[in-house]
Structure formats: C-alpha cells, structure tokens
Amino acid sequence: MKHKIHVHGIRCYAYHGCMEEEARIGGHYTVDVTIDTDFSKAASSDELIDTVDYCAVQQIVAEEMAIRSKLIEHVGQRIFTRIQRELRGIDALRVEIHKWAPPIDGDTQQVSVVLEG
C-alpha cells in the first residue's frame, strides 16, 4: 500500500539570496515536504520506529535553511539529499521552498522551487 506524509508550512527566517541586502536583512520562507512511503507497519504497531519521523524532517529543514546560500535551488538540493540519505522508508520525495516577498520588480507574493524524485 502507498501512503503519503506531508510536513507542510515549516516556517523559517533565513538569509538566502544573491543581493547583499538579503544576506544582512534576511527574509521569510516556508518549506513543504511530501514523502511517499508505506506506513502500514506503523499504522498497526503504533510505533514511531515504523514510520518517517516528522520531527527529523523538520530538523533537517531547519538546519539546512540556516546555512546561507545565494539560491534557494541550492538549499532545496541540500534538504532533498539529506532527507533521502538520513531517513529510511522513502519511496519518493518532494521538497518545495517558498521565498516570500522576493526582491524583484513588481508586486510578487512569493517564488518557489520544487525538487521531486
């Protein structure tokens, strides 16, 4: 059986961006993670060891978002790689990073990047 675990709306304040001001001032980000897995065993056992730990997902996101990068594409790849490497039972993974109020011309609420695999 296939199941999904969503850890959405992980809020972070970080200093990503190509502009000097972004490195000094920072900005708001949210990260959404979707994991395809089979948690049938956990549904039966009621044990955390038998599923993907949401707290571990949040911790990885927070740690990687705290490391400055010029591009959110780069941060996204780091998050994606660590989740795949450190957590077991993942059949497919989707990471989406939203950068709120990006410093671009025009009134833009957010930009986002998505990594899937």
C-alpha atoms as a PDB file:
ATOM      1  CA  MET A   1       0.000   0.000   0.000  1.00  0.00           C
ATOM      2  CA  LYS A   2       1.197   3.543  -0.725  1.00  0.00           C
ATOM      3  CA  HIS A   3       0.889   6.356   1.764  1.00  0.00           C
ATOM      4  CA  LYS A   4       1.958   9.994   1.922  1.00  0.00           C
ATOM      5  CA  ILE A   5       3.300  12.026   4.794  1.00  0.00           C
ATOM      6  CA  HIS A   6       3.044  15.809   4.438  1.00  0.00           C
ATOM      7  CA  VAL A   7       5.095  18.161   6.584  1.00  0.00           C
ATOM      8  CA  HIS A   8       3.904  21.498   5.239  1.00  0.00           C
ATOM      9  CA  GLY A   9       4.414  25.089   6.247  1.00  0.00           C
ATOM     10  CA  ILE A  10       7.760  24.745   8.014  1.00  0.00           C
ATOM     11  CA  ARG A  11       8.417  28.430   8.704  1.00  0.00           C
ATOM     12  CA  CYS A  12      11.968  29.749   8.596  1.00  0.00           C
ATOM     13  CA  TYR A  13      13.681  33.099   8.664  1.00  0.00           C
ATOM     14  CA  ALA A  14      16.834  32.828   6.568  1.00  0.00           C
ATOM     15  CA  TYR A  15      19.429  34.849   4.692  1.00  0.00           C
ATOM     16  CA  HIS A  16      19.362  33.385   1.183  1.00  0.00           C
ATOM     17  CA  GLY A  17      19.692  35.480  -1.945  1.00  0.00           C
ATOM     18  CA  CYS A  18      22.106  36.967  -4.421  1.00  0.00           C
ATOM     19  CA  MET A  19      21.747  40.517  -3.138  1.00  0.00           C
ATOM     20  CA  GLU A  20      23.873  41.879  -0.284  1.00  0.00           C
ATOM     21  CA  GLU A  21      20.745  43.166   1.454  1.00  0.00           C
ATOM     22  CA  GLU A  22      19.312  39.647   1.609  1.00  0.00           C
ATOM     23  CA  ALA A  23      22.429  38.454   3.429  1.00  0.00           C
ATOM     24  CA  ARG A  24      22.056  41.235   6.019  1.00  0.00           C
ATOM     25  CA  ILE A  25      18.294  41.566   6.391  1.00  0.00           C
ATOM     26  CA  GLY A  26      17.034  38.063   5.602  1.00  0.00           C
ATOM     27  CA  GLY A  27      13.508  37.068   4.768  1.00  0.00           C
ATOM     28  CA  HIS A  28      10.629  34.698   5.388  1.00  0.00           C
ATOM     29  CA  TYR A  29      10.469  31.227   3.849  1.00  0.00           C
ATOM     30  CA  THR A  30       8.215  28.223   4.138  1.00  0.00           C
ATOM     31  CA  VAL A  31       9.129  24.685   3.193  1.00  0.00           C
ATOM     32  CA  ASP A  32       6.751  21.864   2.292  1.00  0.00           C
ATOM     33  CA  VAL A  33       7.908  18.242   2.296  1.00  0.00           C
ATOM     34  CA  THR A  34       5.873  15.336   0.930  1.00  0.00           C
ATOM     35  CA  ILE A  35       7.089  11.782   1.410  1.00  0.00           C
ATOM     36  CA  ASP A  36       5.684   8.745  -0.374  1.00  0.00           C
ATOM     37  CA  THR A  37       6.107   5.748   1.890  1.00  0.00           C
ATOM     38  CA  ASP A  38       4.374   2.673   3.223  1.00  0.00           C
ATOM     39  CA  PHE A  39       3.443   3.192   6.855  1.00  0.00           C
ATOM     40  CA  SER A  40       1.260   0.095   7.136  1.00  0.00           C
ATOM     41  CA  LYS A  41       3.521  -1.308   9.857  1.00  0.00           C
ATOM     42  CA  ALA A  42       3.289   1.903  11.916  1.00  0.00           C
ATOM     43  CA  ALA A  43      -0.475   2.028  11.464  1.00  0.00           C
ATOM     44  CA  SER A  44      -0.616  -1.407  13.049  1.00  0.00           C
ATOM     45  CA  SER A  45       2.198  -1.150  15.632  1.00  0.00           C
ATOM     46  CA  ASP A  46       1.639   2.464  16.759  1.00  0.00           C
ATOM     47  CA  GLU A  47       5.436   2.822  16.992  1.00  0.00           C
ATOM     48  CA  LEU A  48       7.456   5.783  15.680  1.00  0.00           C
ATOM     49  CA  ILE A  49      10.301   3.497  14.607  1.00  0.00           C
ATOM     50  CA  ASP A  50       7.979   2.054  11.941  1.00  0.00           C
ATOM     51  CA  THR A  51       7.393   5.329  10.068  1.00  0.00           C
ATOM     52  CA  VAL A  52       9.138   8.507   8.945  1.00  0.00           C
ATOM     53  CA  ASP A  53       9.755  10.818  11.919  1.00  0.00           C
ATOM     54  CA  TYR A  54       8.199  14.226  11.178  1.00  0.00           C
ATOM     55  CA  CYS A  55      10.448  15.837  13.781  1.00  0.00           C
ATOM     56  CA  ALA A  56      13.527  14.608  11.892  1.00  0.00           C
ATOM     57  CA  VAL A  57      12.155  16.128   8.676  1.00  0.00           C
ATOM     58  CA  GLN A  58      11.606  19.487  10.387  1.00  0.00           C
ATOM     59  CA  GLN A  59      15.080  19.375  11.968  1.00  0.00           C
ATOM     60  CA  ILE A  60      16.800  18.720   8.631  1.00  0.00           C
ATOM     61  CA  VAL A  61      14.892  21.580   7.011  1.00  0.00           C
ATOM     62  CA  ALA A  62      15.737  23.991   9.853  1.00  0.00           C
ATOM     63  CA  GLU A  63      19.432  23.075   9.814  1.00  0.00           C
ATOM     64  CA  GLU A  64      19.801  23.441   6.052  1.00  0.00           C
ATOM     65  CA  MET A  65      17.780  26.657   5.889  1.00  0.00           C
ATOM     66  CA  ALA A  66      20.157  28.140   8.491  1.00  0.00           C
ATOM     67  CA  ILE A  67      23.112  27.732   6.089  1.00  0.00           C
ATOM     68  CA  ARG A  68      23.233  30.742   3.775  1.00  0.00           C
ATOM     69  CA  SER A  69      23.038  30.158   0.030  1.00  0.00           C
ATOM     70  CA  LYS A  70      22.631  32.532  -2.867  1.00  0.00           C
ATOM     71  CA  LEU A  71      19.971  30.325  -4.473  1.00  0.00           C
ATOM     72  CA  ILE A  72      17.010  28.518  -2.945  1.00  0.00           C
ATOM     73  CA  GLU A  73      17.636  25.859  -5.581  1.00  0.00           C
ATOM     74  CA  HIS A  74      20.882  25.068  -3.742  1.00  0.00           C
ATOM     75  CA  VAL A  75      19.199  24.926  -0.344  1.00  0.00           C
ATOM     76  CA  GLY A  76      16.475  22.705  -1.779  1.00  0.00           C
ATOM     77  CA  GLN A  77      19.019  20.238  -3.105  1.00  0.00           C
ATOM     78  CA  ARG A  78      20.737  20.050   0.289  1.00  0.00           C
ATOM     79  CA  ILE A  79      17.414  19.392   2.053  1.00  0.00           C
ATOM     80  CA  PHE A  80      16.389  16.789  -0.532  1.00  0.00           C
ATOM     81  CA  THR A  81      19.738  14.966  -0.324  1.00  0.00           C
ATOM     82  CA  ARG A  82      19.820  14.869   3.480  1.00  0.00           C
ATOM     83  CA  ILE A  83      16.260  13.591   3.821  1.00  0.00           C
ATOM     84  CA  GLN A  84      16.942  10.817   1.310  1.00  0.00           C
ATOM     85  CA  ARG A  85      20.251   9.924   2.957  1.00  0.00           C
ATOM     86  CA  GLU A  86      19.218  10.095   6.614  1.00  0.00           C
ATOM     87  CA  LEU A  87      15.642   8.810   6.701  1.00  0.00           C
ATOM     88  CA  ARG A  88      14.544   5.339   5.740  1.00  0.00           C
ATOM     89  CA  GLY A  89      11.402   4.076   4.067  1.00  0.00           C
ATOM     90  CA  ILE A  90      11.109   6.845   1.484  1.00  0.00           C
ATOM     91  CA  ASP A  91       9.791   5.739  -1.912  1.00  0.00           C
ATOM     92  CA  ALA A  92       9.525   9.259  -3.371  1.00  0.00           C
ATOM     93  CA  LEU A  93      10.203  12.743  -2.064  1.00  0.00           C
ATOM     94  CA  ARG A  94       9.028  16.264  -2.895  1.00  0.00           C
ATOM     95  CA  VAL A  95      10.550  19.418  -1.380  1.00  0.00           C
ATOM     96  CA  GLU A  96       9.141  22.874  -2.131  1.00  0.00           C
ATOM     97  CA  ILE A  97      10.718  26.077  -0.826  1.00  0.00           C
ATOM     98  CA  HIS A  98       8.683  29.305  -0.881  1.00  0.00           C
ATOM     99  CA  LYS A  99      10.507  32.630  -0.680  1.00  0.00           C
ATOM    100  CA  TRP A 100       8.067  35.309   0.486  1.00  0.00           C
ATOM    101  CA  ALA A 101       8.203  38.866  -0.867  1.00  0.00           C
ATOM    102  CA  PRO A 102      11.213  38.315  -3.136  1.00  0.00           C
ATOM    103  CA  PRO A 103      13.128  41.487  -4.058  1.00  0.00           C
ATOM    104  CA  ILE A 104      12.103  41.567  -7.710  1.00  0.00           C
ATOM    105  CA  ASP A 105      10.392  44.257  -9.757  1.00  0.00           C
ATOM    106  CA  GLY A 106       6.647  44.210  -9.369  1.00  0.00           C
ATOM    107  CA  ASP A 107       4.311  43.056  -6.630  1.00  0.00           C
ATOM    108  CA  THR A 108       5.129  39.376  -6.189  1.00  0.00           C
ATOM    109  CA  GLN A 109       3.888  37.466  -3.155  1.00  0.00           C
ATOM    110  CA  GLN A 110       6.337  34.563  -3.445  1.00  0.00           C
ATOM    111  CA  VAL A 111       8.552  32.461  -5.640  1.00  0.00           C
ATOM    112  CA  SER A 112       9.155  28.774  -5.112  1.00  0.00           C
ATOM    113  CA  VAL A 113      11.272  25.891  -6.306  1.00  0.00           C
ATOM    114  CA  VAL A 114      10.272  22.228  -6.308  1.00  0.00           C
ATOM    115  CA  LEU A 115      12.521  19.177  -6.220  1.00  0.00           C
ATOM    116  CA  GLU A 116      10.929  15.761  -6.826  1.00  0.00           C
ATOM    117  CA  GLY A 117      12.265  12.309  -7.122  1.00  0.00           C
END
